[in-house]
């Protein structure tokens, strides 16, 4: 079967894989990275991707591959890893776009701080994305299986993620995998129509 031929592998620190990652990441974030970083978002994220020890580093990325073609990816890390990293690689990569990045970071500060609320002991899935033509073909499940096993190997007690309230398809997928909504942000009226659910699963 097609799923039996999929290989999962760690990302390599090169710009080509960085650009693939950037496009998958922006899709998973529903276009937020292009909005945040501007028209050069793919190159900015790719330049940061090849640097170690930060959230968007190749070190935290797993690719799903078939016949040497990348079909999807995940970005994940422990709460402790997140707290020990810096956003400096992304700022340096942004260069002249850093002014835009800072302005939007201030405007959307509560949104960008969501990740900082991950309790110690949790494993955070920041993004999972699959080629559009292969959605509902089992690639996402294979990637999520790997993430759960990785979280357990890291000694994490739970797997957690944040999903847009508008993304009903993704939420249904996570619910089928045993994840439940534990909170929502913001708790009151949404900012600019944005609302997110924190979902979690005990491991």
N, C-alpha and C. Protein backbone atom coordinates (compact mmCIF):
# COMPACT_ATOMS: atom_id res chain seq x y z
N UNK A 1 0.84 -1.20 0.00
CA UNK A 1 0.00 0.00 0.00
C UNK A 1 0.87 1.25 0.00
N UNK A 2 0.29 2.37 -0.42
CA UNK A 2 1.01 3.64 -0.50
C UNK A 2 1.62 4.02 0.84
N UNK A 3 0.83 3.85 1.92
CA UNK A 3 1.33 4.25 3.24
C UNK A 3 2.56 3.45 3.66
N UNK A 4 2.63 2.19 3.22
CA UNK A 4 3.75 1.33 3.60
C UNK A 4 5.07 1.78 2.96
N UNK A 5 4.98 2.61 1.94
CA UNK A 5 6.17 3.06 1.22
C UNK A 5 6.64 4.44 1.66
N UNK A 6 5.95 5.02 2.63
CA UNK A 6 6.33 6.35 3.11
C UNK A 6 7.47 6.23 4.11
N UNK A 7 8.46 7.06 3.93
CA UNK A 7 9.61 7.10 4.83
C UNK A 7 9.55 8.40 5.63
N UNK A 8 9.76 8.30 6.93
CA UNK A 8 9.88 9.49 7.77
C UNK A 8 11.35 9.72 8.06
N UNK A 9 11.77 10.96 7.94
CA UNK A 9 13.19 11.26 8.19
C UNK A 9 13.33 12.66 8.75
N UNK A 10 14.45 12.86 9.43
CA UNK A 10 14.74 14.19 9.96
C UNK A 10 15.11 15.13 8.81
N UNK A 11 14.82 16.39 8.99
CA UNK A 11 15.13 17.39 7.96
C UNK A 11 16.63 17.63 7.90
N UNK A 12 17.08 18.09 6.74
CA UNK A 12 18.49 18.43 6.55
C UNK A 12 18.64 19.95 6.54
N UNK A 13 19.73 20.46 7.09
CA UNK A 13 19.91 21.92 7.17
C UNK A 13 20.37 22.53 5.86
N UNK A 14 19.48 22.54 4.87
CA UNK A 14 19.81 23.22 3.62
C UNK A 14 18.62 24.07 3.18
N UNK A 15 18.88 25.03 2.32
CA UNK A 15 17.85 26.00 1.94
C UNK A 15 16.71 25.39 1.14
N UNK A 16 17.01 24.39 0.32
CA UNK A 16 15.94 23.76 -0.45
C UNK A 16 14.90 23.13 0.46
N UNK A 17 15.37 22.38 1.46
CA UNK A 17 14.43 21.79 2.40
C UNK A 17 13.79 22.88 3.26
N UNK A 18 14.54 23.93 3.52
CA UNK A 18 14.00 25.05 4.29
C UNK A 18 12.82 25.70 3.58
N UNK A 19 12.92 25.84 2.27
CA UNK A 19 11.82 26.46 1.51
C UNK A 19 10.59 25.54 1.49
N UNK A 20 10.82 24.24 1.34
CA UNK A 20 9.70 23.30 1.40
C UNK A 20 9.02 23.39 2.77
N UNK A 21 9.83 23.40 3.80
CA UNK A 21 9.31 23.52 5.16
C UNK A 21 8.51 24.81 5.32
N UNK A 22 9.05 25.92 4.82
CA UNK A 22 8.38 27.21 4.96
C UNK A 22 7.00 27.22 4.32
N UNK A 23 6.88 26.61 3.16
CA UNK A 23 5.58 26.55 2.49
C UNK A 23 4.60 25.67 3.26
N UNK A 24 5.06 24.53 3.74
CA UNK A 24 4.19 23.68 4.55
C UNK A 24 3.79 24.41 5.84
N UNK A 25 4.75 25.09 6.46
CA UNK A 25 4.48 25.79 7.71
C UNK A 25 3.43 26.88 7.52
N UNK A 26 3.56 27.63 6.44
CA UNK A 26 2.60 28.71 6.19
C UNK A 26 1.20 28.15 5.93
N UNK A 27 1.13 27.02 5.24
CA UNK A 27 -0.18 26.37 5.03
C UNK A 27 -0.78 25.94 6.35
N UNK A 28 0.04 25.34 7.21
CA UNK A 28 -0.46 24.88 8.50
C UNK A 28 -0.94 26.05 9.35
N UNK A 29 -0.27 27.20 9.19
CA UNK A 29 -0.62 28.40 9.97
C UNK A 29 -1.63 29.28 9.24
N UNK A 30 -2.22 28.74 8.17
CA UNK A 30 -3.27 29.44 7.42
C UNK A 30 -2.82 30.82 6.93
N UNK A 31 -1.57 30.87 6.44
CA UNK A 31 -1.06 32.10 5.84
C UNK A 31 -0.47 33.10 6.80
N UNK A 32 -0.36 32.73 8.08
CA UNK A 32 0.11 33.72 9.06
C UNK A 32 1.56 34.14 8.81
N UNK A 33 2.43 33.20 8.40
CA UNK A 33 3.84 33.55 8.25
C UNK A 33 4.06 34.52 7.10
N UNK A 34 3.31 34.39 6.03
CA UNK A 34 3.42 35.37 4.93
C UNK A 34 2.91 36.74 5.39
N UNK A 35 1.86 36.73 6.18
CA UNK A 35 1.34 37.99 6.73
C UNK A 35 2.36 38.61 7.69
N UNK A 36 2.98 37.79 8.52
CA UNK A 36 3.90 38.25 9.56
C UNK A 36 5.22 38.75 8.97
N UNK A 37 5.74 38.02 7.99
CA UNK A 37 7.08 38.30 7.48
C UNK A 37 7.10 38.96 6.12
N UNK A 38 5.95 39.03 5.44
CA UNK A 38 5.89 39.71 4.16
C UNK A 38 6.17 38.80 2.98
N UNK A 39 6.34 39.38 1.79
CA UNK A 39 6.48 38.59 0.56
C UNK A 39 7.72 37.69 0.52
N UNK A 40 8.71 37.98 1.35
CA UNK A 40 9.92 37.14 1.39
C UNK A 40 9.87 36.10 2.50
N UNK A 41 8.66 35.79 2.97
CA UNK A 41 8.51 34.90 4.12
C UNK A 41 9.18 33.55 3.91
N UNK A 42 9.04 32.97 2.71
CA UNK A 42 9.61 31.64 2.46
C UNK A 42 11.13 31.66 2.62
N UNK A 43 11.78 32.66 2.03
CA UNK A 43 13.24 32.75 2.13
C UNK A 43 13.69 33.06 3.55
N UNK A 44 12.91 33.87 4.26
CA UNK A 44 13.25 34.21 5.65
C UNK A 44 13.18 32.97 6.53
N UNK A 45 12.08 32.24 6.43
CA UNK A 45 11.94 31.03 7.24
C UNK A 45 13.00 30.00 6.86
N UNK A 46 13.30 29.88 5.57
CA UNK A 46 14.33 28.93 5.12
C UNK A 46 15.69 29.27 5.70
N UNK A 47 16.02 30.57 5.74
CA UNK A 47 17.32 30.99 6.29
C UNK A 47 17.40 30.71 7.78
N UNK A 48 16.28 30.86 8.48
CA UNK A 48 16.27 30.54 9.91
C UNK A 48 16.30 29.03 10.13
N UNK A 49 15.61 28.30 9.28
CA UNK A 49 15.49 26.84 9.37
C UNK A 49 16.85 26.14 9.45
N UNK A 50 17.84 26.64 8.73
CA UNK A 50 19.14 25.96 8.69
C UNK A 50 19.99 26.22 9.93
N UNK A 51 19.49 27.10 10.82
CA UNK A 51 20.22 27.40 12.06
C UNK A 51 19.71 26.50 13.19
N UNK A 52 20.59 26.08 14.10
CA UNK A 52 20.16 25.19 15.19
C UNK A 52 19.57 25.94 16.38
N UNK A 53 18.91 25.17 17.23
CA UNK A 53 18.52 25.61 18.57
C UNK A 53 17.50 26.74 18.60
N UNK A 54 16.45 26.61 17.82
CA UNK A 54 15.30 27.51 17.94
C UNK A 54 14.07 26.76 17.43
N UNK A 55 12.89 27.32 17.66
CA UNK A 55 11.65 26.59 17.37
C UNK A 55 11.53 26.15 15.91
N UNK A 56 11.93 27.00 14.98
CA UNK A 56 11.75 26.70 13.55
C UNK A 56 12.97 26.01 12.94
N UNK A 57 13.86 25.50 13.75
CA UNK A 57 15.07 24.85 13.28
C UNK A 57 14.77 23.50 12.62
N UNK A 58 15.61 23.14 11.65
CA UNK A 58 15.54 21.82 11.03
C UNK A 58 15.57 20.71 12.08
N UNK A 59 16.16 20.98 13.24
CA UNK A 59 16.28 19.96 14.29
C UNK A 59 14.91 19.49 14.80
N UNK A 60 13.88 20.31 14.63
CA UNK A 60 12.54 19.99 15.14
C UNK A 60 11.58 19.53 14.05
N UNK A 61 12.10 19.29 12.85
CA UNK A 61 11.25 18.99 11.70
C UNK A 61 11.44 17.55 11.23
N UNK A 62 10.33 16.89 10.96
CA UNK A 62 10.32 15.56 10.36
C UNK A 62 9.57 15.65 9.04
N UNK A 63 10.16 15.08 7.99
CA UNK A 63 9.52 15.04 6.68
C UNK A 63 8.98 13.63 6.40
N UNK A 64 7.83 13.58 5.72
CA UNK A 64 7.31 12.33 5.17
C UNK A 64 7.67 12.32 3.69
N UNK A 65 8.26 11.21 3.24
CA UNK A 65 8.82 11.17 1.90
C UNK A 65 8.40 9.88 1.18
N UNK A 66 8.14 9.99 -0.12
CA UNK A 66 7.83 8.82 -0.95
C UNK A 66 8.54 9.00 -2.28
N UNK A 67 9.35 8.01 -2.66
CA UNK A 67 10.13 8.09 -3.90
C UNK A 67 10.92 9.41 -3.98
N UNK A 68 11.51 9.79 -2.84
CA UNK A 68 12.36 10.98 -2.72
C UNK A 68 11.58 12.29 -2.92
N UNK A 69 10.28 12.21 -2.83
CA UNK A 69 9.45 13.42 -2.90
C UNK A 69 8.85 13.67 -1.52
N UNK A 70 9.01 14.88 -0.99
CA UNK A 70 8.50 15.22 0.33
C UNK A 70 7.00 15.48 0.23
N UNK A 71 6.25 14.75 1.05
CA UNK A 71 4.79 14.80 1.00
C UNK A 71 4.18 15.61 2.15
N UNK A 72 4.93 15.78 3.23
CA UNK A 72 4.39 16.48 4.39
C UNK A 72 5.46 16.64 5.45
N UNK A 73 5.10 17.33 6.51
CA UNK A 73 6.08 17.57 7.57
C UNK A 73 5.38 17.82 8.90
N UNK A 74 6.16 17.68 9.96
CA UNK A 74 5.72 18.09 11.30
C UNK A 74 6.81 18.96 11.92
N UNK A 75 6.37 19.87 12.78
CA UNK A 75 7.26 20.71 13.58
C UNK A 75 6.83 20.56 15.03
N UNK A 76 7.73 20.08 15.87
CA UNK A 76 7.34 19.81 17.25
C UNK A 76 8.56 19.84 18.17
N UNK A 77 8.28 20.02 19.48
CA UNK A 77 9.35 20.08 20.47
C UNK A 77 8.74 20.04 21.86
N UNK A 78 9.57 19.83 22.87
CA UNK A 78 9.09 19.84 24.24
C UNK A 78 8.98 21.28 24.75
N UNK A 79 8.20 21.44 25.81
CA UNK A 79 8.07 22.76 26.42
C UNK A 79 9.43 23.27 26.90
N UNK A 80 10.24 22.36 27.41
CA UNK A 80 11.55 22.75 27.90
C UNK A 80 12.46 23.21 26.75
N UNK A 81 12.38 22.53 25.62
CA UNK A 81 13.15 22.97 24.45
C UNK A 81 12.74 24.37 24.02
N UNK A 82 11.45 24.61 24.01
CA UNK A 82 10.96 25.93 23.60
C UNK A 82 11.51 27.02 24.51
N UNK A 83 11.51 26.77 25.80
CA UNK A 83 11.94 27.81 26.74
C UNK A 83 13.45 28.06 26.69
N UNK A 84 14.19 27.15 26.11
CA UNK A 84 15.65 27.33 26.05
C UNK A 84 16.10 27.91 24.71
N UNK A 85 15.15 28.24 23.83
CA UNK A 85 15.52 28.74 22.52
C UNK A 85 15.33 30.24 22.41
N UNK A 86 15.73 30.78 21.26
CA UNK A 86 15.66 32.20 20.99
C UNK A 86 15.02 32.43 19.62
N UNK A 87 14.38 33.59 19.45
CA UNK A 87 13.84 33.94 18.13
C UNK A 87 14.85 34.76 17.32
N UNK A 88 16.09 34.83 17.82
CA UNK A 88 17.11 35.62 17.14
C UNK A 88 17.41 35.14 15.71
N UNK A 89 17.48 33.82 15.45
CA UNK A 89 17.73 33.39 14.06
C UNK A 89 16.68 33.90 13.08
N UNK A 90 15.42 33.94 13.51
CA UNK A 90 14.36 34.44 12.62
C UNK A 90 14.50 35.94 12.43
N UNK A 91 14.84 36.66 13.49
CA UNK A 91 15.02 38.11 13.38
C UNK A 91 16.18 38.45 12.45
N UNK A 92 17.28 37.72 12.59
CA UNK A 92 18.43 37.97 11.72
C UNK A 92 18.10 37.65 10.27
N UNK A 93 17.39 36.56 10.06
CA UNK A 93 17.01 36.18 8.69
C UNK A 93 16.05 37.20 8.08
N UNK A 94 15.22 37.83 8.90
CA UNK A 94 14.23 38.78 8.40
C UNK A 94 14.88 40.04 7.84
N UNK A 95 16.04 40.43 8.39
CA UNK A 95 16.74 41.61 7.87
C UNK A 95 15.83 42.83 7.83
N UNK A 96 15.65 43.41 6.64
CA UNK A 96 14.82 44.60 6.51
C UNK A 96 13.35 44.35 6.84
N UNK A 97 12.95 43.11 6.74
CA UNK A 97 11.56 42.76 7.08
C UNK A 97 11.33 42.69 8.59
N UNK A 98 12.40 42.87 9.35
CA UNK A 98 12.26 42.76 10.80
C UNK A 98 11.37 43.86 11.37
N UNK A 99 11.30 45.03 10.70
CA UNK A 99 10.40 46.09 11.17
C UNK A 99 8.95 45.64 11.08
N UNK A 100 8.60 45.04 9.94
CA UNK A 100 7.25 44.49 9.78
C UNK A 100 7.00 43.41 10.83
N UNK A 101 7.98 42.54 11.01
CA UNK A 101 7.87 41.45 11.97
C UNK A 101 7.61 41.99 13.37
N UNK A 102 8.36 43.03 13.77
CA UNK A 102 8.20 43.60 15.10
C UNK A 102 6.83 44.25 15.27
N UNK A 103 6.40 44.98 14.24
CA UNK A 103 5.11 45.68 14.33
C UNK A 103 3.96 44.68 14.49
N UNK A 104 3.98 43.62 13.68
CA UNK A 104 2.91 42.63 13.76
C UNK A 104 3.02 41.82 15.04
N UNK A 105 4.26 41.62 15.50
CA UNK A 105 4.46 40.90 16.76
C UNK A 105 3.83 41.66 17.92
N UNK A 106 3.93 42.98 17.89
CA UNK A 106 3.31 43.79 18.94
C UNK A 106 1.79 43.72 18.85
N UNK A 107 1.28 43.84 17.62
CA UNK A 107 -0.17 43.81 17.40
C UNK A 107 -0.77 42.48 17.80
N UNK A 108 -0.06 41.39 17.49
CA UNK A 108 -0.58 40.05 17.76
C UNK A 108 0.18 39.38 18.91
N UNK A 109 0.70 40.17 19.83
CA UNK A 109 1.49 39.62 20.93
C UNK A 109 0.78 38.50 21.69
N UNK A 110 -0.51 38.67 22.04
CA UNK A 110 -1.18 37.57 22.76
C UNK A 110 -1.19 36.27 21.98
N UNK A 111 -1.39 36.35 20.66
CA UNK A 111 -1.40 35.16 19.82
C UNK A 111 -0.03 34.49 19.83
N UNK A 112 1.02 35.28 19.67
CA UNK A 112 2.36 34.72 19.59
C UNK A 112 2.84 34.17 20.93
N UNK A 113 2.18 34.60 22.01
CA UNK A 113 2.56 34.10 23.33
C UNK A 113 1.86 32.80 23.70
N UNK A 114 0.99 32.30 22.83
CA UNK A 114 0.27 31.06 23.14
C UNK A 114 1.25 29.94 23.47
N UNK A 115 2.31 29.83 22.67
CA UNK A 115 3.26 28.73 22.87
C UNK A 115 3.93 28.81 24.24
N UNK A 116 4.07 30.02 24.77
CA UNK A 116 4.72 30.18 26.07
C UNK A 116 3.89 29.63 27.21
N UNK A 117 2.63 29.26 26.94
CA UNK A 117 1.77 28.73 28.00
C UNK A 117 1.83 27.21 28.11
N UNK A 118 2.71 26.59 27.35
CA UNK A 118 2.82 25.13 27.41
C UNK A 118 3.48 24.73 28.74
N UNK A 119 2.81 23.91 29.54
CA UNK A 119 3.42 23.49 30.82
C UNK A 119 4.62 22.57 30.60
N UNK A 120 5.56 22.61 31.53
CA UNK A 120 6.67 21.66 31.50
C UNK A 120 6.10 20.24 31.50
N UNK A 121 6.74 19.38 30.75
CA UNK A 121 6.28 18.00 30.67
C UNK A 121 5.39 17.73 29.46
N UNK A 122 4.96 18.80 28.77
CA UNK A 122 4.14 18.63 27.58
C UNK A 122 5.01 18.64 26.32
N UNK A 123 4.54 17.96 25.30
CA UNK A 123 5.20 17.95 23.99
C UNK A 123 4.29 18.71 23.05
N UNK A 124 4.83 19.72 22.38
CA UNK A 124 4.01 20.64 21.59
C UNK A 124 4.14 20.38 20.10
N UNK A 125 3.03 20.17 19.46
CA UNK A 125 2.97 20.03 18.01
C UNK A 125 2.60 21.39 17.44
N UNK A 126 3.60 22.12 16.92
CA UNK A 126 3.33 23.45 16.39
C UNK A 126 2.67 23.39 15.02
N UNK A 127 3.08 22.42 14.21
CA UNK A 127 2.52 22.36 12.85
C UNK A 127 2.61 20.96 12.29
N UNK A 128 1.59 20.62 11.52
CA UNK A 128 1.60 19.40 10.72
C UNK A 128 0.91 19.75 9.41
N UNK A 129 1.52 19.39 8.30
CA UNK A 129 0.95 19.73 7.00
C UNK A 129 1.29 18.65 5.99
N UNK A 130 0.35 18.42 5.08
CA UNK A 130 0.49 17.40 4.05
C UNK A 130 0.16 18.04 2.70
N UNK A 131 0.84 17.58 1.66
CA UNK A 131 0.53 18.04 0.31
C UNK A 131 -0.98 17.98 0.06
N UNK A 132 -1.54 19.04 -0.50
CA UNK A 132 -2.99 19.12 -0.68
C UNK A 132 -3.56 17.91 -1.41
N UNK A 133 -2.85 17.41 -2.40
CA UNK A 133 -3.35 16.28 -3.19
C UNK A 133 -3.36 14.98 -2.41
N UNK A 134 -2.72 14.96 -1.24
CA UNK A 134 -2.62 13.72 -0.47
C UNK A 134 -3.36 13.80 0.86
N UNK A 135 -4.16 14.84 1.05
CA UNK A 135 -4.95 14.93 2.27
C UNK A 135 -5.94 13.77 2.30
N UNK A 136 -6.17 13.25 3.51
CA UNK A 136 -7.08 12.11 3.73
C UNK A 136 -6.54 10.81 3.14
N UNK A 137 -5.22 10.75 2.88
CA UNK A 137 -4.61 9.54 2.34
C UNK A 137 -3.78 8.80 3.39
N UNK A 138 -3.83 9.26 4.64
CA UNK A 138 -3.13 8.59 5.72
C UNK A 138 -1.77 9.15 6.06
N UNK A 139 -1.30 10.14 5.30
CA UNK A 139 0.04 10.70 5.57
C UNK A 139 0.05 11.42 6.91
N UNK A 140 -1.00 12.19 7.19
CA UNK A 140 -1.08 12.91 8.46
C UNK A 140 -1.09 11.97 9.64
N UNK A 141 -1.77 10.85 9.52
CA UNK A 141 -1.81 9.88 10.61
C UNK A 141 -0.45 9.26 10.86
N UNK A 142 0.29 8.99 9.79
CA UNK A 142 1.64 8.44 9.94
C UNK A 142 2.54 9.44 10.67
N UNK A 143 2.44 10.70 10.29
CA UNK A 143 3.24 11.73 10.95
C UNK A 143 2.84 11.87 12.42
N UNK A 144 1.54 11.84 12.70
CA UNK A 144 1.10 12.00 14.08
C UNK A 144 1.50 10.80 14.93
N UNK A 145 1.49 9.60 14.35
CA UNK A 145 1.99 8.42 15.07
C UNK A 145 3.44 8.65 15.51
N UNK A 146 4.24 9.18 14.58
CA UNK A 146 5.66 9.41 14.89
C UNK A 146 5.78 10.44 16.03
N UNK A 147 4.97 11.50 15.94
CA UNK A 147 5.01 12.55 16.96
C UNK A 147 4.67 11.99 18.34
N UNK A 148 3.63 11.17 18.41
CA UNK A 148 3.25 10.59 19.70
C UNK A 148 4.37 9.72 20.26
N UNK A 149 4.97 8.91 19.41
CA UNK A 149 6.08 8.06 19.86
C UNK A 149 7.27 8.90 20.30
N UNK A 150 7.55 9.98 19.57
CA UNK A 150 8.65 10.87 19.94
C UNK A 150 8.38 11.54 21.28
N UNK A 151 7.14 11.97 21.49
CA UNK A 151 6.78 12.61 22.75
C UNK A 151 6.97 11.65 23.92
N UNK A 152 6.56 10.40 23.73
CA UNK A 152 6.74 9.40 24.79
C UNK A 152 8.22 9.16 25.05
N UNK A 153 9.02 9.08 23.97
CA UNK A 153 10.47 8.86 24.13
C UNK A 153 11.12 10.01 24.88
N UNK A 154 10.56 11.22 24.74
CA UNK A 154 11.10 12.39 25.44
C UNK A 154 10.64 12.46 26.89
N UNK A 155 9.78 11.53 27.29
CA UNK A 155 9.27 11.52 28.67
C UNK A 155 8.12 12.48 28.90
N UNK A 156 7.50 12.96 27.84
CA UNK A 156 6.40 13.91 27.98
C UNK A 156 5.14 13.19 28.44
N UNK A 157 4.35 13.87 29.27
CA UNK A 157 3.12 13.29 29.79
C UNK A 157 1.94 13.50 28.85
N UNK A 158 2.02 14.58 28.03
CA UNK A 158 0.90 14.89 27.14
C UNK A 158 1.42 15.41 25.81
N UNK A 159 0.58 15.25 24.79
CA UNK A 159 0.78 15.90 23.50
C UNK A 159 -0.23 17.04 23.42
N UNK A 160 0.23 18.25 23.08
CA UNK A 160 -0.67 19.40 23.00
C UNK A 160 -0.44 20.15 21.69
N UNK A 161 -1.48 20.88 21.27
CA UNK A 161 -1.40 21.70 20.08
C UNK A 161 -2.46 22.78 20.15
N UNK A 162 -2.34 23.76 19.28
CA UNK A 162 -3.34 24.82 19.15
C UNK A 162 -3.87 24.80 17.72
N UNK A 163 -5.18 24.90 17.58
CA UNK A 163 -5.80 24.84 16.26
C UNK A 163 -6.83 25.95 16.14
N UNK A 164 -6.90 26.55 14.97
CA UNK A 164 -7.88 27.59 14.72
C UNK A 164 -9.29 27.02 14.85
N UNK A 165 -10.17 27.78 15.50
CA UNK A 165 -11.55 27.33 15.65
C UNK A 165 -12.23 27.17 14.30
N UNK A 166 -11.74 27.90 13.29
CA UNK A 166 -12.34 27.82 11.95
C UNK A 166 -11.92 26.56 11.21
N UNK A 167 -10.85 25.94 11.65
CA UNK A 167 -10.31 24.77 10.95
C UNK A 167 -10.98 23.50 11.47
N UNK A 168 -12.23 23.31 11.08
CA UNK A 168 -12.99 22.18 11.59
C UNK A 168 -12.43 20.84 11.11
N UNK A 169 -11.89 20.82 9.92
CA UNK A 169 -11.33 19.57 9.39
C UNK A 169 -10.16 19.09 10.25
N UNK A 170 -9.25 20.02 10.58
CA UNK A 170 -8.10 19.64 11.40
C UNK A 170 -8.56 19.22 12.79
N UNK A 171 -9.50 19.97 13.36
CA UNK A 171 -9.98 19.65 14.70
C UNK A 171 -10.61 18.25 14.74
N UNK A 172 -11.38 17.91 13.71
CA UNK A 172 -12.00 16.59 13.65
C UNK A 172 -10.94 15.49 13.56
N UNK A 173 -9.88 15.76 12.79
CA UNK A 173 -8.78 14.80 12.68
C UNK A 173 -8.14 14.55 14.04
N UNK A 174 -7.87 15.63 14.78
CA UNK A 174 -7.24 15.47 16.10
C UNK A 174 -8.18 14.76 17.07
N UNK A 175 -9.46 15.06 16.99
CA UNK A 175 -10.42 14.40 17.88
C UNK A 175 -10.48 12.91 17.60
N UNK A 176 -10.41 12.51 16.33
CA UNK A 176 -10.40 11.09 16.00
C UNK A 176 -9.15 10.40 16.55
N UNK A 177 -8.10 11.19 16.75
CA UNK A 177 -6.86 10.65 17.30
C UNK A 177 -6.81 10.73 18.82
N UNK A 178 -7.93 11.04 19.45
CA UNK A 178 -8.01 11.01 20.91
C UNK A 178 -7.71 12.32 21.62
N UNK A 179 -7.56 13.40 20.87
CA UNK A 179 -7.28 14.69 21.49
C UNK A 179 -8.60 15.39 21.83
N UNK A 180 -8.59 16.13 22.92
CA UNK A 180 -9.79 16.85 23.34
C UNK A 180 -9.45 18.32 23.59
N UNK A 181 -10.46 19.17 23.44
CA UNK A 181 -10.29 20.60 23.70
C UNK A 181 -10.26 20.83 25.20
N UNK A 182 -9.22 21.52 25.67
CA UNK A 182 -9.15 21.81 27.10
C UNK A 182 -9.33 23.29 27.41
N UNK A 183 -9.14 24.15 26.40
CA UNK A 183 -9.34 25.58 26.63
C UNK A 183 -9.43 26.28 25.29
N UNK A 184 -9.83 27.54 25.32
CA UNK A 184 -9.84 28.34 24.10
C UNK A 184 -9.20 29.69 24.37
N UNK A 185 -8.69 30.29 23.32
CA UNK A 185 -8.10 31.62 23.41
C UNK A 185 -8.62 32.45 22.26
N UNK A 186 -8.97 33.71 22.48
CA UNK A 186 -9.11 34.36 23.80
C UNK A 186 -10.35 33.85 24.51
N UNK A 187 -10.41 34.07 25.82
CA UNK A 187 -11.53 33.56 26.59
C UNK A 187 -12.78 34.40 26.38
N UNK A 188 -12.57 35.67 25.98
CA UNK A 188 -13.73 36.53 25.75
C UNK A 188 -13.91 36.73 24.25
N UNK A 189 -14.20 37.94 23.83
CA UNK A 189 -14.44 38.22 22.42
C UNK A 189 -13.16 38.01 21.62
N UNK A 190 -13.23 37.34 20.48
CA UNK A 190 -12.03 37.11 19.67
C UNK A 190 -11.42 38.41 19.15
N UNK A 191 -10.09 38.42 19.04
CA UNK A 191 -9.38 39.55 18.47
C UNK A 191 -9.36 39.37 16.96
N UNK A 192 -9.91 40.33 16.24
CA UNK A 192 -9.95 40.27 14.77
C UNK A 192 -10.54 38.96 14.25
N UNK A 193 -11.49 38.42 15.00
CA UNK A 193 -12.13 37.19 14.56
C UNK A 193 -11.32 35.93 14.81
N UNK A 194 -10.15 36.06 15.44
CA UNK A 194 -9.29 34.89 15.68
C UNK A 194 -9.71 34.19 16.97
N UNK A 195 -9.84 32.88 16.89
CA UNK A 195 -10.11 32.07 18.07
C UNK A 195 -9.39 30.74 17.90
N UNK A 196 -8.75 30.27 18.95
CA UNK A 196 -7.99 29.04 18.90
C UNK A 196 -8.40 28.11 20.03
N UNK A 197 -8.29 26.83 19.76
CA UNK A 197 -8.52 25.81 20.78
C UNK A 197 -7.19 25.16 21.13
N UNK A 198 -6.93 25.01 22.42
CA UNK A 198 -5.81 24.19 22.88
C UNK A 198 -6.36 22.76 23.06
N UNK A 199 -5.74 21.83 22.35
CA UNK A 199 -6.15 20.44 22.43
C UNK A 199 -5.02 19.63 23.06
N UNK A 200 -5.39 18.58 23.77
CA UNK A 200 -4.39 17.79 24.49
C UNK A 200 -4.78 16.33 24.51
N UNK A 201 -3.77 15.49 24.69
CA UNK A 201 -3.96 14.05 24.79
C UNK A 201 -2.94 13.48 25.77
N UNK A 202 -3.41 12.73 26.76
CA UNK A 202 -2.48 12.08 27.69
C UNK A 202 -1.77 10.95 26.98
N UNK A 203 -0.48 10.79 27.28
CA UNK A 203 0.34 9.76 26.62
C UNK A 203 0.66 8.62 27.59
